C-alpha atoms as a PDB file:
ATOM      1  CA  GLY A   1     105.004  75.951 125.687  1.00  0.00           C
ATOM      2  CA  SER A   2     105.060  78.684 123.111  1.00  0.00           C
ATOM      3  CA  SER A   3     108.289  80.425 122.133  1.00  0.00           C
ATOM      4  CA  MET A   4     106.397  83.655 121.424  1.00  0.00           C
ATOM      5  CA  VAL A   5     107.540  86.720 123.372  1.00  0.00           C
ATOM      6  CA  ALA A   6     104.963  89.293 124.495  1.00  0.00           C
ATOM      7  CA  THR A   7     105.419  92.584 126.304  1.00  0.00           C
ATOM      8  CA  HIS A   8     102.772  92.907 128.994  1.00  0.00           C
ATOM      9  CA  ARG A   9     102.387  94.807 132.232  1.00  0.00           C
ATOM     10  CA  VAL A  10     102.934  92.782 135.429  1.00  0.00           C
ATOM     11  CA  VAL A  11      99.800  93.163 137.574  1.00  0.00           C
ATOM     12  CA  ASN A  12     100.548  90.620 140.323  1.00  0.00           C
ATOM     13  CA  ILE A  13     103.591  88.803 141.719  1.00  0.00           C
ATOM     14  CA  ASP A  14     103.144  85.543 143.643  1.00  0.00           C
ATOM     15  CA  GLU A  15     106.447  84.981 145.480  1.00  0.00           C
ATOM     16  CA  LYS A  16     105.223  81.728 147.093  1.00  0.00           C
ATOM     17  CA  ASN A  17     104.484  79.994 143.774  1.00  0.00           C
ATOM     18  CA  ARG A  18     107.208  81.953 141.933  1.00  0.00           C
ATOM     19  CA  GLU A  19     104.724  83.249 139.354  1.00  0.00           C
ATOM     20  CA  PHE A  20     103.576  86.573 138.073  1.00  0.00           C
ATOM     21  CA  THR A  21     100.388  87.601 136.321  1.00  0.00           C
ATOM     22  CA  THR A  22     100.473  89.932 133.334  1.00  0.00           C
ATOM     23  CA  LYS A  23      97.893  91.870 131.369  1.00  0.00           C
ATOM     24  CA  GLY A  24      98.248  93.457 127.969  1.00  0.00           C
ATOM     25  CA  ASP A  25      97.296  97.143 127.961  1.00  0.00           C
ATOM     26  CA  ALA A  26      94.806  96.536 125.137  1.00  0.00           C
ATOM     27  CA  ASN A  27      93.277  93.464 126.825  1.00  0.00           C
ATOM     28  CA  ASN A  28      90.351  93.389 129.273  1.00  0.00           C
ATOM     29  CA  ALA A  29      91.375  90.172 131.036  1.00  0.00           C
ATOM     30  CA  LYS A  30      94.542  89.188 132.870  1.00  0.00           C
ATOM     31  CA  ASP A  31      96.771  86.503 131.348  1.00  0.00           C
ATOM     32  CA  ALA A  32      97.334  83.105 132.985  1.00  0.00           C
ATOM     33  CA  PRO A  33     100.090  83.087 135.640  1.00  0.00           C
ATOM     34  CA  ILE A  34     103.625  82.691 134.269  1.00  0.00           C
ATOM     35  CA  SER A  35     106.543  81.133 136.160  1.00  0.00           C
ATOM     36  CA  PHE A  36     109.519  83.342 137.025  1.00  0.00           C
ATOM     37  CA  ASP A  37     111.839  81.290 134.780  1.00  0.00           C
ATOM     38  CA  ARG A  38     109.855  82.354 131.676  1.00  0.00           C
ATOM     39  CA  LEU A  39     110.768  86.023 132.176  1.00  0.00           C
ATOM     40  CA  VAL A  40     112.877  87.231 129.244  1.00  0.00           C
ATOM     41  CA  GLY A  41     113.517  90.842 130.260  1.00  0.00           C
ATOM     42  CA  LYS A  42     112.079  93.965 131.784  1.00  0.00           C
ATOM     43  CA  THR A  43     111.452  97.530 130.703  1.00  0.00           C
ATOM     44  CA  LEU A  44     114.208  99.889 131.823  1.00  0.00           C
ATOM     45  CA  ILE A  45     112.762 103.094 130.413  1.00  0.00           C
ATOM     46  CA  SER A  46     109.443 104.102 128.954  1.00  0.00           C
ATOM     47  CA  ILE A  47     108.928 107.140 126.743  1.00  0.00           C
ATOM     48  CA  PRO A  48     105.210 107.939 126.624  1.00  0.00           C
ATOM     49  CA  TYR A  49     103.636 108.289 123.161  1.00  0.00           C
ATOM     50  CA  LEU A  50     106.867 107.378 121.308  1.00  0.00           C
ATOM     51  CA  GLY A  51     104.999 104.439 119.787  1.00  0.00           C
ATOM     52  CA  TYR A  52     102.631 106.839 118.035  1.00  0.00           C
ATOM     53  CA  LEU A  53     105.612 108.574 116.407  1.00  0.00           C
ATOM     54  CA  THR A  54     107.087 105.295 115.189  1.00  0.00           C
ATOM     55  CA  MET A  55     103.698 104.223 113.791  1.00  0.00           C
ATOM     56  CA  PHE A  56     103.372 107.595 111.992  1.00  0.00           C
ATOM     57  CA  ILE A  57     106.864 107.331 110.484  1.00  0.00           C
ATOM     58  CA  LYS A  58     105.870 103.955 108.998  1.00  0.00           C
ATOM     59  CA  THR A  59     103.151 105.674 106.937  1.00  0.00           C
ATOM     60  CA  LYS A  60     103.885 107.303 103.570  1.00  0.00           C
ATOM     61  CA  GLN A  61     103.262 110.810 104.968  1.00  0.00           C
ATOM     62  CA  GLY A  62     105.414 110.076 108.007  1.00  0.00           C
ATOM     63  CA  MET A  63     108.297 108.807 105.881  1.00  0.00           C
ATOM     64  CA  VAL A  64     108.159 111.906 103.653  1.00  0.00           C
ATOM     65  CA  MET A  65     108.111 114.166 106.718  1.00  0.00           C
ATOM     66  CA  ALA A  66     111.026 112.299 108.343  1.00  0.00           C
ATOM     67  CA  VAL A  67     113.124 112.582 105.158  1.00  0.00           C
ATOM     68  CA  CYS A  68     112.305 116.312 104.884  1.00  0.00           C
ATOM     69  CA  ILE A  69     113.249 116.950 108.520  1.00  0.00           C
ATOM     70  CA  LEU A  70     116.538 115.036 108.185  1.00  0.00           C
ATOM     71  CA  THR A  71     117.355 116.901 104.965  1.00  0.00           C
ATOM     72  CA  LEU A  72     116.618 120.222 106.674  1.00  0.00           C
ATOM     73  CA  ILE A  73     118.859 119.323 109.629  1.00  0.00           C
ATOM     74  CA  ILE A  74     121.714 118.391 107.279  1.00  0.00           C
ATOM     75  CA  LEU A  75     121.297 121.620 105.272  1.00  0.00           C
ATOM     76  CA  VAL A  76     121.189 123.821 108.382  1.00  0.00           C
ATOM     77  CA  SER A  77     124.281 122.078 109.755  1.00  0.00           C
ATOM     78  CA  ALA A  78     126.184 122.516 106.478  1.00  0.00           C
ATOM     79  CA  ILE A  79     125.172 126.183 106.152  1.00  0.00           C
ATOM     80  CA  SER A  80     126.173 126.949 109.752  1.00  0.00           C
ATOM     81  CA  LYS A  81     129.605 125.378 109.164  1.00  0.00           C
ATOM     82  CA  ILE A  82     130.103 127.481 106.012  1.00  0.00           C
ATOM     83  CA  ILE A  83     129.040 130.669 107.823  1.00  0.00           C
ATOM     84  CA  GLY A  84     131.278 129.770 110.769  1.00  0.00           C
ATOM     85  CA  LYS A  85     134.320 129.352 108.487  1.00  0.00           C
ATOM     86  CA  LYS A  86     133.622 132.705 106.787  1.00  0.00           C
ATOM     87  CA  ASN A  87     133.397 134.445 110.174  1.00  0.00           C
ATOM     88  CA  VAL A  88     136.717 132.908 111.261  1.00  0.00           C
ATOM     89  CA  GLN A  89     138.343 134.058 107.998  1.00  0.00           C
ATOM     90  CA  ARG A  90     136.995 137.616 108.444  1.00  0.00           C
ATOM     91  CA  GLN A  91     138.289 137.782 112.007  1.00  0.00           C
ATOM     92  CA  SER A  92     141.759 136.555 111.003  1.00  0.00           C
ATOM     93  CA  HIS A  93     141.961 139.128 108.158  1.00  0.00           C
ATOM     94  CA  SER A  94     140.908 142.003 110.415  1.00  0.00           C
ATOM     95  CA  LEU A  95     143.708 141.360 112.929  1.00  0.00           C
END
């Protein structure tokens, strides 16, 4: 057997023969039945369309946008900390 791991949707479970049938979302046909002992894991959570975001970030434009957004978040965080310290100093001087 192959050691390749694939993530496919389970479309049928045969308890009697201890097999399940899978089908890739991009495939028209179902895969051959697979024995229960070949199961590696299962999906615990699915976030729709997250794959599109990860594919976009792998492009040049996506990488530039991700770096810009992270830089903006860091700058906003740093500026808010500076403003927060100035406000605390003003309040302590006015007491």
